[in-house]
């Protein structure tokens, strides 16, 4: 199962509707509706896979939750220079305050 499929399995429609009101301007079809604690858990597991580096290189992401997972993964990079480089690469794709 890929990351996007997993996110859709954890979808909470009422949370999605609530969250859409918090991030005006984002297209509704780009928000799946997965709560942040679940995103952190998915990111922690995903970091351990061989797909994590590929995911970081595959910008832009379509879904808001994918962007948030991307940010969580960056926050776990211990090498400061690599972390800074990833932040700078990701920054142009951040399109809302919550990411």
PDB file of N, CA and C in Angstrom:
ATOM      1  N   UNK A   1       0.849  -1.171   0.000  1.00  0.00           N
ATOM      2  CA  UNK A   1       0.000   0.000   0.000  1.00  0.00           C
ATOM      3  C   UNK A   1       0.900   1.242   0.000  1.00  0.00           C
ATOM      4  N   UNK A   2       0.574   2.197  -0.852  1.00  0.00           N
ATOM      5  CA  UNK A   2       1.389   3.404  -0.876  1.00  0.00           C
ATOM      6  C   UNK A   2       0.903   4.428   0.146  1.00  0.00           C
ATOM      7  N   UNK A   3       1.664   5.486   0.290  1.00  0.00           N
ATOM      8  CA  UNK A   3       1.384   6.489   1.312  1.00  0.00           C
ATOM      9  C   UNK A   3       0.005   7.130   1.128  1.00  0.00           C
ATOM     10  N   UNK A   4      -0.333   7.506  -0.075  1.00  0.00           N
ATOM     11  CA  UNK A   4      -1.620   8.169  -0.325  1.00  0.00           C
ATOM     12  C   UNK A   4      -2.788   7.241   0.002  1.00  0.00           C
ATOM     13  N   UNK A   5      -2.676   5.976  -0.364  1.00  0.00           N
ATOM     14  CA  UNK A   5      -3.736   5.020  -0.035  1.00  0.00           C
ATOM     15  C   UNK A   5      -3.900   4.907   1.477  1.00  0.00           C
ATOM     16  N   UNK A   6      -2.791   4.891   2.177  1.00  0.00           N
ATOM     17  CA  UNK A   6      -2.843   4.798   3.642  1.00  0.00           C
ATOM     18  C   UNK A   6      -3.529   6.031   4.238  1.00  0.00           C
ATOM     19  N   UNK A   7      -3.228   7.197   3.690  1.00  0.00           N
ATOM     20  CA  UNK A   7      -3.869   8.423   4.178  1.00  0.00           C
ATOM     21  C   UNK A   7      -5.378   8.360   3.971  1.00  0.00           C
ATOM     22  N   UNK A   8      -5.803   7.880   2.821  1.00  0.00           N
ATOM     23  CA  UNK A   8      -7.242   7.787   2.563  1.00  0.00           C
ATOM     24  C   UNK A   8      -7.919   6.772   3.481  1.00  0.00           C
ATOM     25  N   UNK A   9      -7.197   5.748   3.906  1.00  0.00           N
ATOM     26  CA  UNK A   9      -7.759   4.789   4.860  1.00  0.00           C
ATOM     27  C   UNK A   9      -8.030   5.446   6.217  1.00  0.00           C
ATOM     28  N   UNK A  10      -7.264   6.483   6.544  1.00  0.00           N
ATOM     29  CA  UNK A  10      -7.393   7.145   7.844  1.00  0.00           C
ATOM     30  C   UNK A  10      -8.259   8.402   7.764  1.00  0.00           C
ATOM     31  N   UNK A  11      -8.889   8.616   6.660  1.00  0.00           N
ATOM     32  CA  UNK A  11      -9.689   9.812   6.417  1.00  0.00           C
ATOM     33  C   UNK A  11     -10.826   9.942   7.428  1.00  0.00           C
ATOM     34  N   UNK A  12     -10.988  11.173   7.918  1.00  0.00           N
ATOM     35  CA  UNK A  12     -12.082  11.519   8.826  1.00  0.00           C
ATOM     36  C   UNK A  12     -12.794  12.719   8.187  1.00  0.00           C
ATOM     37  N   UNK A  13     -13.937  12.448   7.578  1.00  0.00           N
ATOM     38  CA  UNK A  13     -14.634  13.480   6.796  1.00  0.00           C
ATOM     39  C   UNK A  13     -15.039  14.679   7.644  1.00  0.00           C
ATOM     40  N   UNK A  14     -15.485  14.459   8.874  1.00  0.00           N
ATOM     41  CA  UNK A  14     -15.885  15.595   9.715  1.00  0.00           C
ATOM     42  C   UNK A  14     -14.665  16.446  10.083  1.00  0.00           C
ATOM     43  N   UNK A  15     -13.523  15.805  10.325  1.00  0.00           N
ATOM     44  CA  UNK A  15     -12.291  16.550  10.589  1.00  0.00           C
ATOM     45  C   UNK A  15     -11.866  17.316   9.341  1.00  0.00           C
ATOM     46  N   UNK A  16     -12.019  16.723   8.183  1.00  0.00           N
ATOM     47  CA  UNK A  16     -11.683  17.388   6.923  1.00  0.00           C
ATOM     48  C   UNK A  16     -12.492  18.670   6.768  1.00  0.00           C
ATOM     49  N   UNK A  17     -13.784  18.568   6.978  1.00  0.00           N
ATOM     50  CA  UNK A  17     -14.656  19.750   6.852  1.00  0.00           C
ATOM     51  C   UNK A  17     -14.262  20.826   7.856  1.00  0.00           C
ATOM     52  N   UNK A  18     -13.980  20.436   9.086  1.00  0.00           N
ATOM     53  CA  UNK A  18     -13.534  21.382  10.108  1.00  0.00           C
ATOM     54  C   UNK A  18     -12.209  22.030   9.690  1.00  0.00           C
ATOM     55  N   UNK A  19     -11.271  21.220   9.241  1.00  0.00           N
ATOM     56  CA  UNK A  19      -9.930  21.707   8.907  1.00  0.00           C
ATOM     57  C   UNK A  19      -9.949  22.631   7.693  1.00  0.00           C
ATOM     58  N   UNK A  20     -10.828  22.384   6.756  1.00  0.00           N
ATOM     59  CA  UNK A  20     -10.924  23.257   5.578  1.00  0.00           C
ATOM     60  C   UNK A  20     -11.243  24.698   5.980  1.00  0.00           C
ATOM     61  N   UNK A  21     -11.977  24.871   7.062  1.00  0.00           N
ATOM     62  CA  UNK A  21     -12.300  26.235   7.527  1.00  0.00           C
ATOM     63  C   UNK A  21     -11.074  26.920   8.125  1.00  0.00           C
ATOM     64  N   UNK A  22     -10.081  26.144   8.561  1.00  0.00           N
ATOM     65  CA  UNK A  22      -8.868  26.700   9.166  1.00  0.00           C
ATOM     66  C   UNK A  22      -7.826  27.109   8.134  1.00  0.00           C
ATOM     67  N   UNK A  23      -7.927  26.575   6.947  1.00  0.00           N
ATOM     68  CA  UNK A  23      -6.940  26.879   5.914  1.00  0.00           C
ATOM     69  C   UNK A  23      -7.643  27.387   4.651  1.00  0.00           C
ATOM     70  N   UNK A  24      -8.194  28.603   4.732  1.00  0.00           N
ATOM     71  CA  UNK A  24      -8.896  29.153   3.576  1.00  0.00           C
ATOM     72  C   UNK A  24      -7.948  29.311   2.388  1.00  0.00           C
ATOM     73  N   UNK A  25      -8.511  29.162   1.218  1.00  0.00           N
ATOM     74  CA  UNK A  25      -7.727  29.325   0.009  1.00  0.00           C
ATOM     75  C   UNK A  25      -7.180  28.030  -0.558  1.00  0.00           C
ATOM     76  N   UNK A  26      -7.153  26.979   0.240  1.00  0.00           N
ATOM     77  CA  UNK A  26      -6.681  25.687  -0.276  1.00  0.00           C
ATOM     78  C   UNK A  26      -7.864  24.990  -0.944  1.00  0.00           C
ATOM     79  N   UNK A  27      -7.588  24.357  -2.060  1.00  0.00           N
ATOM     80  CA  UNK A  27      -8.649  23.662  -2.785  1.00  0.00           C
ATOM     81  C   UNK A  27      -9.135  22.468  -1.958  1.00  0.00           C
ATOM     82  N   UNK A  28     -10.441  22.341  -1.751  1.00  0.00           N
ATOM     83  CA  UNK A  28     -10.980  21.267  -0.916  1.00  0.00           C
ATOM     84  C   UNK A  28     -10.578  19.865  -1.358  1.00  0.00           C
ATOM     85  N   UNK A  29     -10.395  19.639  -2.654  1.00  0.00           N
ATOM     86  CA  UNK A  29     -10.035  18.293  -3.103  1.00  0.00           C
ATOM     87  C   UNK A  29      -8.579  17.945  -2.793  1.00  0.00           C
ATOM     88  N   UNK A  30      -7.823  18.896  -2.256  1.00  0.00           N
ATOM     89  CA  UNK A  30      -6.435  18.636  -1.873  1.00  0.00           C
ATOM     90  C   UNK A  30      -6.295  18.248  -0.405  1.00  0.00           C
ATOM     91  N   UNK A  31      -7.412  18.226   0.334  1.00  0.00           N
ATOM     92  CA  UNK A  31      -7.374  17.874   1.756  1.00  0.00           C
ATOM     93  C   UNK A  31      -8.097  16.544   1.955  1.00  0.00           C
ATOM     94  N   UNK A  32      -7.387  15.595   2.553  1.00  0.00           N
ATOM     95  CA  UNK A  32      -7.957  14.264   2.784  1.00  0.00           C
ATOM     96  C   UNK A  32      -8.744  14.246   4.094  1.00  0.00           C
ATOM     97  N   UNK A  33      -8.166  14.804   5.153  1.00  0.00           N
ATOM     98  CA  UNK A  33      -8.828  14.826   6.456  1.00  0.00           C
ATOM     99  C   UNK A  33      -8.228  13.844   7.441  1.00  0.00           C
ATOM    100  N   UNK A  34      -6.902  13.877   7.607  1.00  0.00           N
ATOM    101  CA  UNK A  34      -6.219  12.996   8.554  1.00  0.00           C
ATOM    102  C   UNK A  34      -5.676  13.849   9.682  1.00  0.00           C
ATOM    103  N   UNK A  35      -5.924  13.435  10.890  1.00  0.00           N
ATOM    104  CA  UNK A  35      -5.489  14.193  12.069  1.00  0.00           C
ATOM    105  C   UNK A  35      -3.971  14.173  12.222  1.00  0.00           C
ATOM    106  N   UNK A  36      -3.435  15.255  12.792  1.00  0.00           N
ATOM    107  CA  UNK A  36      -1.987  15.430  12.934  1.00  0.00           C
ATOM    108  C   UNK A  36      -1.301  14.306  13.707  1.00  0.00           C
ATOM    109  N   UNK A  37      -1.841  13.815  14.825  1.00  0.00           N
ATOM    110  CA  UNK A  37      -1.157  12.702  15.496  1.00  0.00           C
ATOM    111  C   UNK A  37      -1.000  11.478  14.590  1.00  0.00           C
ATOM    112  N   UNK A  38      -1.991  11.231  13.753  1.00  0.00           N
ATOM    113  CA  UNK A  38      -1.892  10.115  12.820  1.00  0.00           C
ATOM    114  C   UNK A  38      -0.826  10.391  11.758  1.00  0.00           C
ATOM    115  N   UNK A  39      -0.740  11.654  11.309  1.00  0.00           N
ATOM    116  CA  UNK A  39       0.291  12.018  10.334  1.00  0.00           C
ATOM    117  C   UNK A  39       1.686  11.812  10.916  1.00  0.00           C
ATOM    118  N   UNK A  40       1.857  12.182  12.180  1.00  0.00           N
ATOM    119  CA  UNK A  40       3.160  11.988  12.829  1.00  0.00           C
ATOM    120  C   UNK A  40       3.515  10.507  12.912  1.00  0.00           C
ATOM    121  N   UNK A  41       2.531   9.690  13.222  1.00  0.00           N
ATOM    122  CA  UNK A  41       2.770   8.247  13.315  1.00  0.00           C
ATOM    123  C   UNK A  41       3.139   7.679  11.948  1.00  0.00           C
ATOM    124  N   UNK A  42       2.406   8.073  10.929  1.00  0.00           N
ATOM    125  CA  UNK A  42       2.700   7.605   9.571  1.00  0.00           C
ATOM    126  C   UNK A  42       4.099   8.050   9.156  1.00  0.00           C
ATOM    127  N   UNK A  43       4.438   9.306   9.440  1.00  0.00           N
ATOM    128  CA  UNK A  43       5.760   9.827   9.072  1.00  0.00           C
ATOM    129  C   UNK A  43       6.867   9.051   9.770  1.00  0.00           C
ATOM    130  N   UNK A  44       6.683   8.753  11.052  1.00  0.00           N
ATOM    131  CA  UNK A  44       7.696   8.008  11.813  1.00  0.00           C
ATOM    132  C   UNK A  44       7.921   6.628  11.212  1.00  0.00           C
ATOM    133  N   UNK A  45       6.871   6.001  10.763  1.00  0.00           N
ATOM    134  CA  UNK A  45       6.993   4.690  10.134  1.00  0.00           C
ATOM    135  C   UNK A  45       7.583   4.804   8.727  1.00  0.00           C
ATOM    136  N   UNK A  46       7.151   5.829   8.011  1.00  0.00           N
ATOM    137  CA  UNK A  46       7.568   6.018   6.621  1.00  0.00           C
ATOM    138  C   UNK A  46       9.057   6.357   6.517  1.00  0.00           C
ATOM    139  N   UNK A  47       9.580   7.081   7.501  1.00  0.00           N
ATOM    140  CA  UNK A  47      11.001   7.445   7.519  1.00  0.00           C
ATOM    141  C   UNK A  47      11.879   6.199   7.457  1.00  0.00           C
ATOM    142  N   UNK A  48      11.404   5.120   8.019  1.00  0.00           N
ATOM    143  CA  UNK A  48      12.181   3.878   8.081  1.00  0.00           C
ATOM    144  C   UNK A  48      12.190   3.109   6.756  1.00  0.00           C
ATOM    145  N   UNK A  49      11.412   3.543   5.786  1.00  0.00           N
ATOM    146  CA  UNK A  49      11.321   2.814   4.518  1.00  0.00           C
ATOM    147  C   UNK A  49      12.301   3.376   3.502  1.00  0.00           C
ATOM    148  N   UNK A  50      12.529   2.593   2.468  1.00  0.00           N
ATOM    149  CA  UNK A  50      13.409   3.044   1.389  1.00  0.00           C
ATOM    150  C   UNK A  50      12.741   4.098   0.513  1.00  0.00           C
ATOM    151  N   UNK A  51      11.443   4.285   0.659  1.00  0.00           N
ATOM    152  CA  UNK A  51      10.710   5.255  -0.146  1.00  0.00           C
ATOM    153  C   UNK A  51      10.783   6.678   0.392  1.00  0.00           C
ATOM    154  N   UNK A  52      11.288   6.854   1.599  1.00  0.00           N
ATOM    155  CA  UNK A  52      11.294   8.185   2.225  1.00  0.00           C
ATOM    156  C   UNK A  52      12.124   9.187   1.434  1.00  0.00           C
ATOM    157  N   UNK A  53      13.321   8.814   1.019  1.00  0.00           N
ATOM    158  CA  UNK A  53      14.162   9.740   0.251  1.00  0.00           C
ATOM    159  C   UNK A  53      13.524  10.084  -1.091  1.00  0.00           C
ATOM    160  N   UNK A  54      12.952   9.091  -1.724  1.00  0.00           N
ATOM    161  CA  UNK A  54      12.267   9.319  -2.998  1.00  0.00           C
ATOM    162  C   UNK A  54      11.094  10.287  -2.800  1.00  0.00           C
ATOM    163  N   UNK A  55      10.360  10.112  -1.715  1.00  0.00           N
ATOM    164  CA  UNK A  55       9.231  10.987  -1.394  1.00  0.00           C
ATOM    165  C   UNK A  55       9.697  12.429  -1.225  1.00  0.00           C
ATOM    166  N   UNK A  56      10.819  12.639  -0.537  1.00  0.00           N
ATOM    167  CA  UNK A  56      11.344  13.993  -0.344  1.00  0.00           C
ATOM    168  C   UNK A  56      11.741  14.642  -1.664  1.00  0.00           C
ATOM    169  N   UNK A  57      12.126  13.833  -2.624  1.00  0.00           N
ATOM    170  CA  UNK A  57      12.533  14.364  -3.924  1.00  0.00           C
ATOM    171  C   UNK A  57      11.347  14.599  -4.863  1.00  0.00           C
ATOM    172  N   UNK A  58      10.196  14.068  -4.538  1.00  0.00           N
ATOM    173  CA  UNK A  58       9.048  14.118  -5.458  1.00  0.00           C
ATOM    174  C   UNK A  58       8.128  15.300  -5.162  1.00  0.00           C
ATOM    175  N   UNK A  59       8.652  16.474  -5.333  1.00  0.00           N
ATOM    176  CA  UNK A  59       7.857  17.682  -5.149  1.00  0.00           C
ATOM    177  C   UNK A  59       7.340  18.160  -6.491  1.00  0.00           C
ATOM    178  N   UNK A  60       6.181  18.782  -6.561  1.00  0.00           N
ATOM    179  CA  UNK A  60       5.268  19.055  -5.455  1.00  0.00           C
ATOM    180  C   UNK A  60       4.364  17.865  -5.165  1.00  0.00           C
ATOM    181  N   UNK A  61       3.854  17.844  -3.953  1.00  0.00           N
ATOM    182  CA  UNK A  61       2.855  16.849  -3.575  1.00  0.00           C
ATOM    183  C   UNK A  61       1.476  17.456  -3.845  1.00  0.00           C
ATOM    184  N   UNK A  62       0.501  16.617  -4.061  1.00  0.00           N
ATOM    185  CA  UNK A  62      -0.849  17.119  -4.327  1.00  0.00           C
ATOM    186  C   UNK A  62      -1.617  17.375  -3.034  1.00  0.00           C
ATOM    187  N   UNK A  63      -1.547  16.451  -2.099  1.00  0.00           N
ATOM    188  CA  UNK A  63      -2.387  16.542  -0.909  1.00  0.00           C
ATOM    189  C   UNK A  63      -1.714  17.302   0.224  1.00  0.00           C
ATOM    190  N   UNK A  64      -2.528  18.048   0.935  1.00  0.00           N
ATOM    191  CA  UNK A  64      -2.101  18.811   2.114  1.00  0.00           C
ATOM    192  C   UNK A  64      -1.400  17.901   3.120  1.00  0.00           C
ATOM    193  N   UNK A  65      -1.962  16.732   3.362  1.00  0.00           N
ATOM    194  CA  UNK A  65      -1.383  15.792   4.323  1.00  0.00           C
ATOM    195  C   UNK A  65      -0.019  15.273   3.862  1.00  0.00           C
ATOM    196  N   UNK A  66       0.155  15.096   2.565  1.00  0.00           N
ATOM    197  CA  UNK A  66       1.466  14.695   2.059  1.00  0.00           C
ATOM    198  C   UNK A  66       2.498  15.781   2.347  1.00  0.00           C
ATOM    199  N   UNK A  67       2.100  17.036   2.163  1.00  0.00           N
ATOM    200  CA  UNK A  67       3.002  18.145   2.483  1.00  0.00           C
ATOM    201  C   UNK A  67       3.348  18.162   3.967  1.00  0.00           C
ATOM    202  N   UNK A  68       2.371  17.895   4.809  1.00  0.00           N
ATOM    203  CA  UNK A  68       2.647  17.896   6.244  1.00  0.00           C
ATOM    204  C   UNK A  68       3.574  16.743   6.623  1.00  0.00           C
ATOM    205  N   UNK A  69       3.383  15.589   6.028  1.00  0.00           N
ATOM    206  CA  UNK A  69       4.297  14.476   6.273  1.00  0.00           C
ATOM    207  C   UNK A  69       5.704  14.843   5.794  1.00  0.00           C
ATOM    208  N   UNK A  70       5.779  15.509   4.665  1.00  0.00           N
ATOM    209  CA  UNK A  70       7.079  15.964   4.157  1.00  0.00           C
ATOM    210  C   UNK A  70       7.771  16.847   5.201  1.00  0.00           C
ATOM    211  N   UNK A  71       7.028  17.798   5.758  1.00  0.00           N
ATOM    212  CA  UNK A  71       7.587  18.677   6.786  1.00  0.00           C
ATOM    213  C   UNK A  71       8.004  17.924   8.038  1.00  0.00           C
ATOM    214  N   UNK A  72       7.219  16.958   8.443  1.00  0.00           N
ATOM    215  CA  UNK A  72       7.558  16.146   9.628  1.00  0.00           C
ATOM    216  C   UNK A  72       8.847  15.371   9.370  1.00  0.00           C
ATOM    217  N   UNK A  73       8.983  14.800   8.187  1.00  0.00           N
ATOM    218  CA  UNK A  73      10.201  14.058   7.852  1.00  0.00           C
ATOM    219  C   UNK A  73      11.408  14.989   7.897  1.00  0.00           C
ATOM    220  N   UNK A  74      11.271  16.184   7.336  1.00  0.00           N
ATOM    221  CA  UNK A  74      12.370  17.151   7.376  1.00  0.00           C
ATOM    222  C   UNK A  74      12.752  17.462   8.814  1.00  0.00           C
ATOM    223  N   UNK A  75      11.753  17.611   9.676  1.00  0.00           N
ATOM    224  CA  UNK A  75      12.041  17.961  11.070  1.00  0.00           C
ATOM    225  C   UNK A  75      12.835  16.875  11.800  1.00  0.00           C
ATOM    226  N   UNK A  76      12.867  15.670  11.271  1.00  0.00           N
ATOM    227  CA  UNK A  76      13.589  14.554  11.897  1.00  0.00           C
ATOM    228  C   UNK A  76      15.027  14.413  11.390  1.00  0.00           C
ATOM    229  N   UNK A  77      15.412  15.213  10.387  1.00  0.00           N
ATOM    230  CA  UNK A  77      16.771  15.134   9.842  1.00  0.00           C
ATOM    231  C   UNK A  77      17.741  15.737  10.857  1.00  0.00           C
ATOM    232  N   UNK A  78      18.695  14.953  11.290  1.00  0.00           N
ATOM    233  CA  UNK A  78      19.621  15.380  12.340  1.00  0.00           C
ATOM    234  C   UNK A  78      20.784  16.220  11.812  1.00  0.00           C
ATOM    235  N   UNK A  79      21.176  16.010  10.573  1.00  0.00           N
ATOM    236  CA  UNK A  79      22.267  16.770   9.966  1.00  0.00           C
ATOM    237  C   UNK A  79      21.740  18.167   9.604  1.00  0.00           C
ATOM    238  N   UNK A  80      22.280  19.197  10.274  1.00  0.00           N
ATOM    239  CA  UNK A  80      21.754  20.551  10.117  1.00  0.00           C
ATOM    240  C   UNK A  80      21.798  21.027   8.664  1.00  0.00           C
ATOM    241  N   UNK A  81      22.919  20.842   7.994  1.00  0.00           N
ATOM    242  CA  UNK A  81      23.049  21.322   6.612  1.00  0.00           C
ATOM    243  C   UNK A  81      22.058  20.620   5.676  1.00  0.00           C
ATOM    244  N   UNK A  82      21.901  19.322   5.853  1.00  0.00           N
ATOM    245  CA  UNK A  82      20.937  18.579   5.029  1.00  0.00           C
ATOM    246  C   UNK A  82      19.515  19.029   5.344  1.00  0.00           C
ATOM    247  N   UNK A  83      19.221  19.226   6.621  1.00  0.00           N
ATOM    248  CA  UNK A  83      17.895  19.691   7.027  1.00  0.00           C
ATOM    249  C   UNK A  83      17.596  21.053   6.408  1.00  0.00           C
ATOM    250  N   UNK A  84      18.547  21.978   6.506  1.00  0.00           N
ATOM    251  CA  UNK A  84      18.373  23.314   5.950  1.00  0.00           C
ATOM    252  C   UNK A  84      18.168  23.269   4.433  1.00  0.00           C
ATOM    253  N   UNK A  85      18.935  22.428   3.765  1.00  0.00           N
ATOM    254  CA  UNK A  85      18.777  22.283   2.318  1.00  0.00           C
ATOM    255  C   UNK A  85      17.387  21.767   1.969  1.00  0.00           C
ATOM    256  N   UNK A  86      16.887  20.792   2.742  1.00  0.00           N
ATOM    257  CA  UNK A  86      15.542  20.250   2.489  1.00  0.00           C
ATOM    258  C   UNK A  86      14.455  21.291   2.775  1.00  0.00           C
ATOM    259  N   UNK A  87      14.630  22.073   3.828  1.00  0.00           N
ATOM    260  CA  UNK A  87      13.666  23.142   4.125  1.00  0.00           C
ATOM    261  C   UNK A  87      13.627  24.136   2.962  1.00  0.00           C
ATOM    262  N   UNK A  88      14.786  24.552   2.502  1.00  0.00           N
ATOM    263  CA  UNK A  88      14.847  25.521   1.402  1.00  0.00           C
ATOM    264  C   UNK A  88      14.248  24.966   0.114  1.00  0.00           C
ATOM    265  N   UNK A  89      14.420  23.675  -0.126  1.00  0.00           N
ATOM    266  CA  UNK A  89      13.828  23.050  -1.311  1.00  0.00           C
ATOM    267  C   UNK A  89      12.317  22.937  -1.193  1.00  0.00           C
ATOM    268  N   UNK A  90      11.829  22.710   0.030  1.00  0.00           N
ATOM    269  CA  UNK A  90      10.398  22.512   0.274  1.00  0.00           C
ATOM    270  C   UNK A  90       9.632  23.837   0.383  1.00  0.00           C
ATOM    271  N   UNK A  91      10.289  24.875   0.833  1.00  0.00           N
ATOM    272  CA  UNK A  91       9.637  26.155   1.120  1.00  0.00           C
ATOM    273  C   UNK A  91       8.750  26.687  -0.014  1.00  0.00           C
ATOM    274  N   UNK A  92       9.167  26.645  -1.261  1.00  0.00           N
ATOM    275  CA  UNK A  92       8.292  27.173  -2.321  1.00  0.00           C
ATOM    276  C   UNK A  92       6.968  26.427  -2.484  1.00  0.00           C
ATOM    277  N   UNK A  93       6.876  25.241  -1.921  1.00  0.00           N
ATOM    278  CA  UNK A  93       5.674  24.421  -2.071  1.00  0.00           C
ATOM    279  C   UNK A  93       4.729  24.515  -0.871  1.00  0.00           C
ATOM    280  N   UNK A  94       5.131  25.246   0.146  1.00  0.00           N
ATOM    281  CA  UNK A  94       4.257  25.462   1.303  1.00  0.00           C
ATOM    282  C   UNK A  94       3.233  26.521   0.917  1.00  0.00           C
ATOM    283  N   UNK A  95       1.973  26.167   0.960  1.00  0.00           N
ATOM    284  CA  UNK A  95       0.942  27.081   0.489  1.00  0.00           C
ATOM    285  C   UNK A  95      -0.102  27.450   1.547  1.00  0.00           C
ATOM    286  N   UNK A  96       0.210  27.177   2.800  1.00  0.00           N
ATOM    287  CA  UNK A  96      -0.727  27.541   3.865  1.00  0.00           C
ATOM    288  C   UNK A  96       0.013  27.599   5.187  1.00  0.00           C
ATOM    289  N   UNK A  97      -0.599  28.242   6.169  1.00  0.00           N
ATOM    290  CA  UNK A  97       0.060  28.428   7.464  1.00  0.00           C
ATOM    291  C   UNK A  97       0.214  27.114   8.222  1.00  0.00           C
ATOM    292  N   UNK A  98      -0.676  26.169   8.024  1.00  0.00           N
ATOM    293  CA  UNK A  98      -0.673  24.946   8.816  1.00  0.00           C
ATOM    294  C   UNK A  98       0.471  24.002   8.428  1.00  0.00           C
ATOM    295  N   UNK A  99       0.925  24.065   7.203  1.00  0.00           N
ATOM    296  CA  UNK A  99       2.046  23.214   6.785  1.00  0.00           C
ATOM    297  C   UNK A  99       3.326  23.797   7.305  1.00  0.00           C
TER     298      UNK A  99
END
